[in-house]
């Protein structure tokens, strides 16, 4: 744990210094320490910020802490910084990858059990009109919450991530990704990404070949060896998501929708750093 905590702090502090990040000299707790506490909470304490601060306020680490409300305000103010930090980590993973092959998939994150949907305060059913109700095909059951859409390297390390309501289509959301990949890159996905328009758009605009698993009635069938390669890489992205699922607790404690989404993002960020350790 000590090695991981020191690594997280060094990464965040050096990255902020390289960006020439400005903050008040009167602060007793720096932004790097706030980011470290949040990532450590996601990595080791199921997203519990108080427990992470209890550990880090000791003399072996930071020696100070913020109140719960002040910590939450500081952390929410750093949301764009955290996103930029994740993008930088994605670039590191991309440069370290041996192949210009990328994988895309999504996984559900429940905000509550189905039986509690009517009492959910984070995404009230009356206000969202079932936008957060999606279907988990692997478990063959509906869920209520978010979808984590993630693009990874061939090794399963996160490059891009996006959160959407559970009912959003994987194929349509694919068009919102930046996909800043070298020309000639290949993007593998499952059957949910079968859409010829998006395939042609990526090929013509960016030179990226989208190769999803083909359905039986597909007009663009592929050779048997391509199907085999797809199955091999499919297991790798499942490995990437297994790292995220290992960090996710059975239930994520949050009071607001923004707080819930920030915690989910922190779990993704922690899994990205895990890939470096």
C-alpha atoms as a PDB file:
ATOM      1  CA  UNK A   1       0.000   0.000   0.000  1.00  0.00           C
ATOM      2  CA  UNK A   2       2.810   2.431   0.872  1.00  0.00           C
ATOM      3  CA  UNK A   3       4.386   2.051  -2.559  1.00  0.00           C
ATOM      4  CA  UNK A   4       1.063   2.642  -4.297  1.00  0.00           C
ATOM      5  CA  UNK A   5       0.283   5.750  -2.209  1.00  0.00           C
ATOM      6  CA  UNK A   6       3.720   7.266  -2.813  1.00  0.00           C
ATOM      7  CA  UNK A   7       3.430   6.513  -6.536  1.00  0.00           C
ATOM      8  CA  UNK A   8       0.022   8.190  -6.763  1.00  0.00           C
ATOM      9  CA  UNK A   9       1.246  11.294  -4.944  1.00  0.00           C
ATOM     10  CA  UNK A  10       4.413  11.582  -7.038  1.00  0.00           C
ATOM     11  CA  UNK A  11       2.430  11.175 -10.262  1.00  0.00           C
ATOM     12  CA  UNK A  12      -0.172  13.793  -9.344  1.00  0.00           C
ATOM     13  CA  UNK A  13       2.286  16.288  -7.857  1.00  0.00           C
ATOM     14  CA  UNK A  14       4.788  16.078 -10.735  1.00  0.00           C
ATOM     15  CA  UNK A  15       1.994  16.247 -13.312  1.00  0.00           C
ATOM     16  CA  UNK A  16       0.485  19.361 -11.695  1.00  0.00           C
ATOM     17  CA  UNK A  17       3.913  21.005 -11.522  1.00  0.00           C
ATOM     18  CA  UNK A  18       4.524  20.217 -15.201  1.00  0.00           C
ATOM     19  CA  UNK A  19       1.212  21.925 -16.016  1.00  0.00           C
ATOM     20  CA  UNK A  20       2.274  24.914 -13.892  1.00  0.00           C
ATOM     21  CA  UNK A  21      -0.862  24.470 -11.832  1.00  0.00           C
ATOM     22  CA  UNK A  22      -1.483  27.540  -9.657  1.00  0.00           C
ATOM     23  CA  UNK A  23      -2.963  27.462  -6.151  1.00  0.00           C
ATOM     24  CA  UNK A  24      -2.919  29.665  -3.073  1.00  0.00           C
ATOM     25  CA  UNK A  25       0.241  29.558  -0.952  1.00  0.00           C
ATOM     26  CA  UNK A  26      -1.966  29.798   2.170  1.00  0.00           C
ATOM     27  CA  UNK A  27      -3.430  26.340   1.638  1.00  0.00           C
ATOM     28  CA  UNK A  28      -2.317  23.765   4.172  1.00  0.00           C
ATOM     29  CA  UNK A  29      -3.481  20.883   1.949  1.00  0.00           C
ATOM     30  CA  UNK A  30      -2.424  21.016  -1.697  1.00  0.00           C
ATOM     31  CA  UNK A  31      -4.466  19.917  -4.699  1.00  0.00           C
ATOM     32  CA  UNK A  32      -2.038  17.027  -5.226  1.00  0.00           C
ATOM     33  CA  UNK A  33      -2.844  15.810  -1.700  1.00  0.00           C
ATOM     34  CA  UNK A  34      -6.595  16.099  -2.335  1.00  0.00           C
ATOM     35  CA  UNK A  35      -6.277  14.131  -5.584  1.00  0.00           C
ATOM     36  CA  UNK A  36      -4.115  11.521  -3.865  1.00  0.00           C
ATOM     37  CA  UNK A  37      -6.603  11.088  -1.017  1.00  0.00           C
ATOM     38  CA  UNK A  38      -9.485  10.630  -3.481  1.00  0.00           C
ATOM     39  CA  UNK A  39      -7.592   8.072  -5.582  1.00  0.00           C
ATOM     40  CA  UNK A  40      -6.385   6.195  -2.488  1.00  0.00           C
ATOM     41  CA  UNK A  41      -9.986   6.084  -1.235  1.00  0.00           C
ATOM     42  CA  UNK A  42     -11.115   4.532  -4.521  1.00  0.00           C
ATOM     43  CA  UNK A  43      -8.186   2.114  -4.640  1.00  0.00           C
ATOM     44  CA  UNK A  44      -8.164   0.811  -1.069  1.00  0.00           C
ATOM     45  CA  UNK A  45     -11.281   1.954   0.820  1.00  0.00           C
ATOM     46  CA  UNK A  46     -14.263   1.492  -1.555  1.00  0.00           C
ATOM     47  CA  UNK A  47     -14.475   5.245  -2.137  1.00  0.00           C
ATOM     48  CA  UNK A  48     -14.581   6.233   1.559  1.00  0.00           C
ATOM     49  CA  UNK A  49     -12.833   9.618   1.667  1.00  0.00           C
ATOM     50  CA  UNK A  50     -12.866   9.875   5.460  1.00  0.00           C
ATOM     51  CA  UNK A  51     -11.027   6.582   5.909  1.00  0.00           C
ATOM     52  CA  UNK A  52      -8.432   7.608   3.335  1.00  0.00           C
ATOM     53  CA  UNK A  53      -7.882  10.936   5.105  1.00  0.00           C
ATOM     54  CA  UNK A  54      -7.565   9.144   8.458  1.00  0.00           C
ATOM     55  CA  UNK A  55      -4.656   7.197   7.006  1.00  0.00           C
ATOM     56  CA  UNK A  56      -2.992  10.067   5.161  1.00  0.00           C
ATOM     57  CA  UNK A  57      -3.096  12.596   8.002  1.00  0.00           C
ATOM     58  CA  UNK A  58      -0.499  10.548   9.882  1.00  0.00           C
ATOM     59  CA  UNK A  59       3.098  11.819  10.164  1.00  0.00           C
ATOM     60  CA  UNK A  60       4.261   9.224   7.625  1.00  0.00           C
ATOM     61  CA  UNK A  61       2.232  10.947   4.910  1.00  0.00           C
ATOM     62  CA  UNK A  62       0.687  14.438   4.751  1.00  0.00           C
ATOM     63  CA  UNK A  63       0.248  15.272   8.427  1.00  0.00           C
ATOM     64  CA  UNK A  64      -2.981  17.215   7.863  1.00  0.00           C
ATOM     65  CA  UNK A  65      -6.530  16.860   6.624  1.00  0.00           C
ATOM     66  CA  UNK A  66      -9.623  18.779   5.566  1.00  0.00           C
ATOM     67  CA  UNK A  67     -13.114  18.622   7.003  1.00  0.00           C
ATOM     68  CA  UNK A  68     -15.581  16.459   5.099  1.00  0.00           C
ATOM     69  CA  UNK A  69     -17.424  19.394   3.516  1.00  0.00           C
ATOM     70  CA  UNK A  70     -14.242  21.275   2.576  1.00  0.00           C
ATOM     71  CA  UNK A  71     -12.689  18.132   1.098  1.00  0.00           C
ATOM     72  CA  UNK A  72     -15.778  17.519  -1.039  1.00  0.00           C
ATOM     73  CA  UNK A  73     -15.787  21.123  -2.272  1.00  0.00           C
ATOM     74  CA  UNK A  74     -12.094  20.981  -3.135  1.00  0.00           C
ATOM     75  CA  UNK A  75     -12.496  17.630  -4.899  1.00  0.00           C
ATOM     76  CA  UNK A  76     -15.513  18.739  -6.950  1.00  0.00           C
ATOM     77  CA  UNK A  77     -13.594  21.843  -8.011  1.00  0.00           C
ATOM     78  CA  UNK A  78     -10.875  19.557  -9.399  1.00  0.00           C
ATOM     79  CA  UNK A  79     -13.157  17.511 -11.669  1.00  0.00           C
ATOM     80  CA  UNK A  80     -11.730  18.955 -14.898  1.00  0.00           C
ATOM     81  CA  UNK A  81      -8.177  18.501 -13.545  1.00  0.00           C
ATOM     82  CA  UNK A  82      -8.921  14.851 -12.783  1.00  0.00           C
ATOM     83  CA  UNK A  83     -10.261  14.332 -16.306  1.00  0.00           C
ATOM     84  CA  UNK A  84      -7.127  15.884 -17.805  1.00  0.00           C
ATOM     85  CA  UNK A  85      -4.989  13.660 -15.556  1.00  0.00           C
ATOM     86  CA  UNK A  86      -6.843  10.576 -16.809  1.00  0.00           C
ATOM     87  CA  UNK A  87      -6.324  11.684 -20.420  1.00  0.00           C
ATOM     88  CA  UNK A  88      -2.594  12.011 -19.758  1.00  0.00           C
ATOM     89  CA  UNK A  89      -2.499   8.516 -18.264  1.00  0.00           C
ATOM     90  CA  UNK A  90      -4.336   7.266 -21.352  1.00  0.00           C
ATOM     91  CA  UNK A  91      -1.640   8.775 -23.555  1.00  0.00           C
ATOM     92  CA  UNK A  92       1.013   7.035 -21.441  1.00  0.00           C
ATOM     93  CA  UNK A  93      -0.766   3.688 -21.877  1.00  0.00           C
ATOM     94  CA  UNK A  94      -1.130   4.323 -25.594  1.00  0.00           C
ATOM     95  CA  UNK A  95       2.569   5.119 -26.061  1.00  0.00           C
ATOM     96  CA  UNK A  96       3.557   2.044 -24.037  1.00  0.00           C
ATOM     97  CA  UNK A  97       1.346  -0.251 -26.104  1.00  0.00           C
ATOM     98  CA  UNK A  98       3.135  -2.484 -28.586  1.00  0.00           C
ATOM     99  CA  UNK A  99       0.283  -2.437 -31.130  1.00  0.00           C
ATOM    100  CA  UNK A 100      -2.081   0.075 -32.728  1.00  0.00           C
ATOM    101  CA  UNK A 101      -4.992  -2.103 -31.641  1.00  0.00           C
ATOM    102  CA  UNK A 102      -7.715  -0.804 -29.337  1.00  0.00           C
ATOM    103  CA  UNK A 103     -10.753  -2.338 -27.670  1.00  0.00           C
ATOM    104  CA  UNK A 104     -14.111  -0.839 -26.734  1.00  0.00           C
ATOM    105  CA  UNK A 105     -16.838  -2.082 -24.423  1.00  0.00           C
ATOM    106  CA  UNK A 106     -19.178  -0.935 -21.669  1.00  0.00           C
ATOM    107  CA  UNK A 107     -20.201  -2.179 -18.247  1.00  0.00           C
ATOM    108  CA  UNK A 108     -23.087  -1.215 -15.946  1.00  0.00           C
ATOM    109  CA  UNK A 109     -22.714   0.470 -12.557  1.00  0.00           C
ATOM    110  CA  UNK A 110     -25.852   0.251 -10.446  1.00  0.00           C
ATOM    111  CA  UNK A 111     -26.899   3.198  -8.328  1.00  0.00           C
ATOM    112  CA  UNK A 112     -29.423   1.027  -6.461  1.00  0.00           C
ATOM    113  CA  UNK A 113     -31.200  -2.327  -6.658  1.00  0.00           C
ATOM    114  CA  UNK A 114     -34.171  -2.600  -8.997  1.00  0.00           C
ATOM    115  CA  UNK A 115     -36.534  -2.960  -6.060  1.00  0.00           C
ATOM    116  CA  UNK A 116     -35.442   0.479  -4.762  1.00  0.00           C
ATOM    117  CA  UNK A 117     -35.793   2.422  -8.022  1.00  0.00           C
ATOM    118  CA  UNK A 118     -38.915   4.277  -6.873  1.00  0.00           C
ATOM    119  CA  UNK A 119     -37.049   5.522  -3.776  1.00  0.00           C
ATOM    120  CA  UNK A 120     -33.801   6.471  -5.531  1.00  0.00           C
ATOM    121  CA  UNK A 121     -32.898  10.080  -4.705  1.00  0.00           C
ATOM    122  CA  UNK A 122     -29.803  10.394  -6.904  1.00  0.00           C
ATOM    123  CA  UNK A 123     -31.631   9.747 -10.196  1.00  0.00           C
ATOM    124  CA  UNK A 124     -35.354  10.134  -9.386  1.00  0.00           C
ATOM    125  CA  UNK A 125     -37.433   8.019 -11.741  1.00  0.00           C
ATOM    126  CA  UNK A 126     -40.064  10.746 -12.136  1.00  0.00           C
ATOM    127  CA  UNK A 127     -37.455  13.251 -13.349  1.00  0.00           C
ATOM    128  CA  UNK A 128     -35.354  10.972 -15.580  1.00  0.00           C
ATOM    129  CA  UNK A 129     -38.125   9.052 -17.371  1.00  0.00           C
ATOM    130  CA  UNK A 130     -36.309   5.686 -17.146  1.00  0.00           C
ATOM    131  CA  UNK A 131     -33.201   7.069 -18.879  1.00  0.00           C
ATOM    132  CA  UNK A 132     -31.024   5.334 -16.269  1.00  0.00           C
ATOM    133  CA  UNK A 133     -32.704   1.941 -16.645  1.00  0.00           C
ATOM    134  CA  UNK A 134     -30.596  -0.312 -18.866  1.00  0.00           C
ATOM    135  CA  UNK A 135     -30.180  -3.982 -19.669  1.00  0.00           C
ATOM    136  CA  UNK A 136     -27.183  -6.059 -18.604  1.00  0.00           C
ATOM    137  CA  UNK A 137     -26.986  -8.768 -21.268  1.00  0.00           C
ATOM    138  CA  UNK A 138     -24.281 -10.798 -19.494  1.00  0.00           C
ATOM    139  CA  UNK A 139     -26.455 -11.197 -16.385  1.00  0.00           C
ATOM    140  CA  UNK A 140     -29.734 -11.115 -18.352  1.00  0.00           C
ATOM    141  CA  UNK A 141     -31.295  -8.574 -16.032  1.00  0.00           C
ATOM    142  CA  UNK A 142     -32.156  -4.893 -15.970  1.00  0.00           C
ATOM    143  CA  UNK A 143     -30.199  -2.424 -13.880  1.00  0.00           C
ATOM    144  CA  UNK A 144     -30.641   1.184 -12.763  1.00  0.00           C
ATOM    145  CA  UNK A 145     -27.637   3.468 -12.975  1.00  0.00           C
ATOM    146  CA  UNK A 146     -24.804   4.351 -15.335  1.00  0.00           C
ATOM    147  CA  UNK A 147     -22.875   2.752 -18.152  1.00  0.00           C
ATOM    148  CA  UNK A 148     -19.093   3.040 -18.187  1.00  0.00           C
ATOM    149  CA  UNK A 149     -17.964   3.147 -21.826  1.00  0.00           C
ATOM    150  CA  UNK A 150     -14.243   2.497 -22.068  1.00  0.00           C
ATOM    151  CA  UNK A 151     -11.644   2.287 -24.819  1.00  0.00           C
ATOM    152  CA  UNK A 152      -8.491   0.384 -23.883  1.00  0.00           C
ATOM    153  CA  UNK A 153      -5.190  -0.581 -25.457  1.00  0.00           C
ATOM    154  CA  UNK A 154      -4.563  -4.119 -26.684  1.00  0.00           C
ATOM    155  CA  UNK A 155      -3.241  -4.876 -23.183  1.00  0.00           C
ATOM    156  CA  UNK A 156      -6.519  -3.759 -21.568  1.00  0.00           C
ATOM    157  CA  UNK A 157      -5.256  -0.434 -20.149  1.00  0.00           C
ATOM    158  CA  UNK A 158      -7.762   2.480 -20.228  1.00  0.00           C
ATOM    159  CA  UNK A 159      -7.313   5.167 -22.880  1.00  0.00           C
ATOM    160  CA  UNK A 160     -10.703   6.909 -22.987  1.00  0.00           C
ATOM    161  CA  UNK A 161     -13.759   6.673 -20.756  1.00  0.00           C
ATOM    162  CA  UNK A 162     -17.246   8.119 -20.743  1.00  0.00           C
ATOM    163  CA  UNK A 163     -20.244   7.800 -18.421  1.00  0.00           C
ATOM    164  CA  UNK A 164     -23.816   7.726 -19.732  1.00  0.00           C
ATOM    165  CA  UNK A 165     -27.263   6.845 -18.392  1.00  0.00           C
ATOM    166  CA  UNK A 166     -27.892   3.099 -18.465  1.00  0.00           C
ATOM    167  CA  UNK A 167     -30.327   3.177 -21.389  1.00  0.00           C
ATOM    168  CA  UNK A 168     -27.884   4.785 -23.838  1.00  0.00           C
ATOM    169  CA  UNK A 169     -26.921   2.782 -26.911  1.00  0.00           C
ATOM    170  CA  UNK A 170     -23.296   1.656 -27.159  1.00  0.00           C
ATOM    171  CA  UNK A 171     -23.210   2.234 -30.913  1.00  0.00           C
ATOM    172  CA  UNK A 172     -24.544   5.779 -30.874  1.00  0.00           C
ATOM    173  CA  UNK A 173     -22.299   6.775 -27.998  1.00  0.00           C
ATOM    174  CA  UNK A 174     -19.260   5.495 -29.895  1.00  0.00           C
ATOM    175  CA  UNK A 175     -19.509   8.567 -32.138  1.00  0.00           C
ATOM    176  CA  UNK A 176     -18.858  10.884 -29.173  1.00  0.00           C
ATOM    177  CA  UNK A 177     -15.387   9.448 -28.442  1.00  0.00           C
ATOM    178  CA  UNK A 178     -12.376  11.405 -29.683  1.00  0.00           C
ATOM    179  CA  UNK A 179     -10.515   8.241 -30.789  1.00  0.00           C
ATOM    180  CA  UNK A 180      -7.247  10.086 -31.354  1.00  0.00           C
ATOM    181  CA  UNK A 181      -5.450   7.025 -32.726  1.00  0.00           C
ATOM    182  CA  UNK A 182      -2.798   6.643 -35.432  1.00  0.00           C
ATOM    183  CA  UNK A 183      -4.082   6.102 -38.954  1.00  0.00           C
ATOM    184  CA  UNK A 184      -4.476   2.406 -39.672  1.00  0.00           C
ATOM    185  CA  UNK A 185      -5.454   1.525 -36.099  1.00  0.00           C
ATOM    186  CA  UNK A 186      -7.975  -1.244 -35.478  1.00  0.00           C
ATOM    187  CA  UNK A 187     -10.808  -0.953 -32.948  1.00  0.00           C
ATOM    188  CA  UNK A 188     -12.411  -4.212 -31.797  1.00  0.00           C
ATOM    189  CA  UNK A 189     -15.840  -4.338 -30.172  1.00  0.00           C
ATOM    190  CA  UNK A 190     -18.671  -6.744 -29.473  1.00  0.00           C
ATOM    191  CA  UNK A 191     -21.897  -7.207 -31.438  1.00  0.00           C
ATOM    192  CA  UNK A 192     -23.417  -4.051 -29.936  1.00  0.00           C
ATOM    193  CA  UNK A 193     -21.135  -1.937 -32.160  1.00  0.00           C
ATOM    194  CA  UNK A 194     -22.421  -3.309 -35.468  1.00  0.00           C
ATOM    195  CA  UNK A 195     -23.367  -0.191 -37.398  1.00  0.00           C
ATOM    196  CA  UNK A 196     -22.136   0.271 -40.947  1.00  0.00           C
ATOM    197  CA  UNK A 197     -22.536   4.052 -40.935  1.00  0.00           C
ATOM    198  CA  UNK A 198     -20.158   4.452 -37.975  1.00  0.00           C
ATOM    199  CA  UNK A 199     -17.683   2.001 -39.510  1.00  0.00           C
ATOM    200  CA  UNK A 200     -17.596   3.962 -42.768  1.00  0.00           C
ATOM    201  CA  UNK A 201     -17.373   7.279 -40.915  1.00  0.00           C
ATOM    202  CA  UNK A 202     -14.352   6.178 -38.863  1.00  0.00           C
ATOM    203  CA  UNK A 203     -12.652   4.684 -41.908  1.00  0.00           C
ATOM    204  CA  UNK A 204     -13.120   7.744 -44.127  1.00  0.00           C
ATOM    205  CA  UNK A 205     -12.485  10.447 -41.506  1.00  0.00           C
ATOM    206  CA  UNK A 206      -9.694   8.921 -39.392  1.00  0.00           C
ATOM    207  CA  UNK A 207      -8.437   5.809 -41.145  1.00  0.00           C
ATOM    208  CA  UNK A 208      -9.558   3.694 -38.162  1.00  0.00           C
ATOM    209  CA  UNK A 209     -10.952   0.230 -38.871  1.00  0.00           C
ATOM    210  CA  UNK A 210     -13.866  -0.697 -36.601  1.00  0.00           C
ATOM    211  CA  UNK A 211     -14.182  -4.495 -36.402  1.00  0.00           C
ATOM    212  CA  UNK A 212     -17.052  -5.578 -34.135  1.00  0.00           C
ATOM    213  CA  UNK A 213     -18.155  -9.179 -33.727  1.00  0.00           C
ATOM    214  CA  UNK A 214     -20.476  -9.799 -36.648  1.00  0.00           C
ATOM    215  CA  UNK A 215     -24.037 -10.958 -36.248  1.00  0.00           C
ATOM    216  CA  UNK A 216     -25.190 -14.039 -38.138  1.00  0.00           C
ATOM    217  CA  UNK A 217     -27.210 -11.974 -40.613  1.00  0.00           C
ATOM    218  CA  UNK A 218     -24.451  -9.394 -41.167  1.00  0.00           C
ATOM    219  CA  UNK A 219     -23.799  -8.192 -44.718  1.00  0.00           C
ATOM    220  CA  UNK A 220     -20.138  -7.629 -43.831  1.00  0.00           C
ATOM    221  CA  UNK A 221     -18.972 -11.047 -42.725  1.00  0.00           C
ATOM    222  CA  UNK A 222     -15.313 -11.590 -41.814  1.00  0.00           C
ATOM    223  CA  UNK A 223     -12.893 -14.470 -42.234  1.00  0.00           C
ATOM    224  CA  UNK A 224     -12.618 -17.163 -39.571  1.00  0.00           C
ATOM    225  CA  UNK A 225      -9.141 -16.034 -38.514  1.00  0.00           C
ATOM    226  CA  UNK A 226     -10.487 -12.510 -37.863  1.00  0.00           C
ATOM    227  CA  UNK A 227     -13.183 -13.962 -35.601  1.00  0.00           C
ATOM    228  CA  UNK A 228     -10.488 -15.836 -33.690  1.00  0.00           C
ATOM    229  CA  UNK A 229      -8.422 -12.664 -33.224  1.00  0.00           C
ATOM    230  CA  UNK A 230     -11.544 -10.837 -32.038  1.00  0.00           C
ATOM    231  CA  UNK A 231     -12.170 -13.501 -29.408  1.00  0.00           C
ATOM    232  CA  UNK A 232      -8.571 -13.236 -28.163  1.00  0.00           C
ATOM    233  CA  UNK A 233      -8.781  -9.459 -27.747  1.00  0.00           C
ATOM    234  CA  UNK A 234     -12.258  -9.734 -26.268  1.00  0.00           C
ATOM    235  CA  UNK A 235     -10.738 -11.535 -23.294  1.00  0.00           C
ATOM    236  CA  UNK A 236      -8.221  -8.720 -22.849  1.00  0.00           C
ATOM    237  CA  UNK A 237     -10.837  -5.993 -22.488  1.00  0.00           C
ATOM    238  CA  UNK A 238     -12.712  -8.220 -20.061  1.00  0.00           C
ATOM    239  CA  UNK A 239      -9.469  -8.287 -18.068  1.00  0.00           C
ATOM    240  CA  UNK A 240      -9.423  -4.482 -18.119  1.00  0.00           C
ATOM    241  CA  UNK A 241     -12.998  -4.288 -16.850  1.00  0.00           C
ATOM    242  CA  UNK A 242     -12.305  -6.945 -14.224  1.00  0.00           C
ATOM    243  CA  UNK A 243      -9.747  -4.563 -12.703  1.00  0.00           C
ATOM    244  CA  UNK A 244     -12.435  -1.889 -12.470  1.00  0.00           C
ATOM    245  CA  UNK A 245     -15.073  -4.264 -11.110  1.00  0.00           C
ATOM    246  CA  UNK A 246     -12.627  -5.450  -8.460  1.00  0.00           C
ATOM    247  CA  UNK A 247     -12.442  -1.899  -7.100  1.00  0.00           C
ATOM    248  CA  UNK A 248     -16.176  -1.167  -7.281  1.00  0.00           C
ATOM    249  CA  UNK A 249     -17.997  -1.832  -3.988  1.00  0.00           C
ATOM    250  CA  UNK A 250     -21.405  -3.493  -3.802  1.00  0.00           C
ATOM    251  CA  UNK A 251     -22.939  -0.033  -3.363  1.00  0.00           C
ATOM    252  CA  UNK A 252     -21.393   3.401  -3.872  1.00  0.00           C
ATOM    253  CA  UNK A 253     -22.234   5.931  -1.183  1.00  0.00           C
ATOM    254  CA  UNK A 254     -23.142   9.321  -2.655  1.00  0.00           C
ATOM    255  CA  UNK A 255     -25.666  12.062  -1.952  1.00  0.00           C
ATOM    256  CA  UNK A 256     -25.894  13.795  -5.337  1.00  0.00           C
ATOM    257  CA  UNK A 257     -25.748  12.634  -8.940  1.00  0.00           C
ATOM    258  CA  UNK A 258     -22.547  14.604  -9.498  1.00  0.00           C
ATOM    259  CA  UNK A 259     -20.948  13.006  -6.456  1.00  0.00           C
ATOM    260  CA  UNK A 260     -21.932   9.527  -7.644  1.00  0.00           C
ATOM    261  CA  UNK A 261     -20.498  10.123 -11.119  1.00  0.00           C
ATOM    262  CA  UNK A 262     -17.292  11.557  -9.661  1.00  0.00           C
ATOM    263  CA  UNK A 263     -16.800   8.477  -7.497  1.00  0.00           C
ATOM    264  CA  UNK A 264     -17.361   6.143 -10.453  1.00  0.00           C
ATOM    265  CA  UNK A 265     -14.788   8.130 -12.422  1.00  0.00           C
ATOM    266  CA  UNK A 266     -12.321   7.880  -9.513  1.00  0.00           C
ATOM    267  CA  UNK A 267     -12.621   4.086  -9.590  1.00  0.00           C
ATOM    268  CA  UNK A 268     -11.774   4.149 -13.317  1.00  0.00           C
ATOM    269  CA  UNK A 269      -8.853   6.497 -12.616  1.00  0.00           C
ATOM    270  CA  UNK A 270      -7.572   4.218  -9.857  1.00  0.00           C
ATOM    271  CA  UNK A 271      -7.711   1.204 -12.180  1.00  0.00           C
ATOM    272  CA  UNK A 272      -5.742   3.168 -14.789  1.00  0.00           C
ATOM    273  CA  UNK A 273      -2.995   3.919 -12.244  1.00  0.00           C
ATOM    274  CA  UNK A 274      -3.051   0.276 -11.135  1.00  0.00           C
ATOM    275  CA  UNK A 275      -1.999  -0.687 -14.655  1.00  0.00           C
ATOM    276  CA  UNK A 276       1.223   1.301 -14.161  1.00  0.00           C
ATOM    277  CA  UNK A 277       2.191  -0.365 -10.890  1.00  0.00           C
END
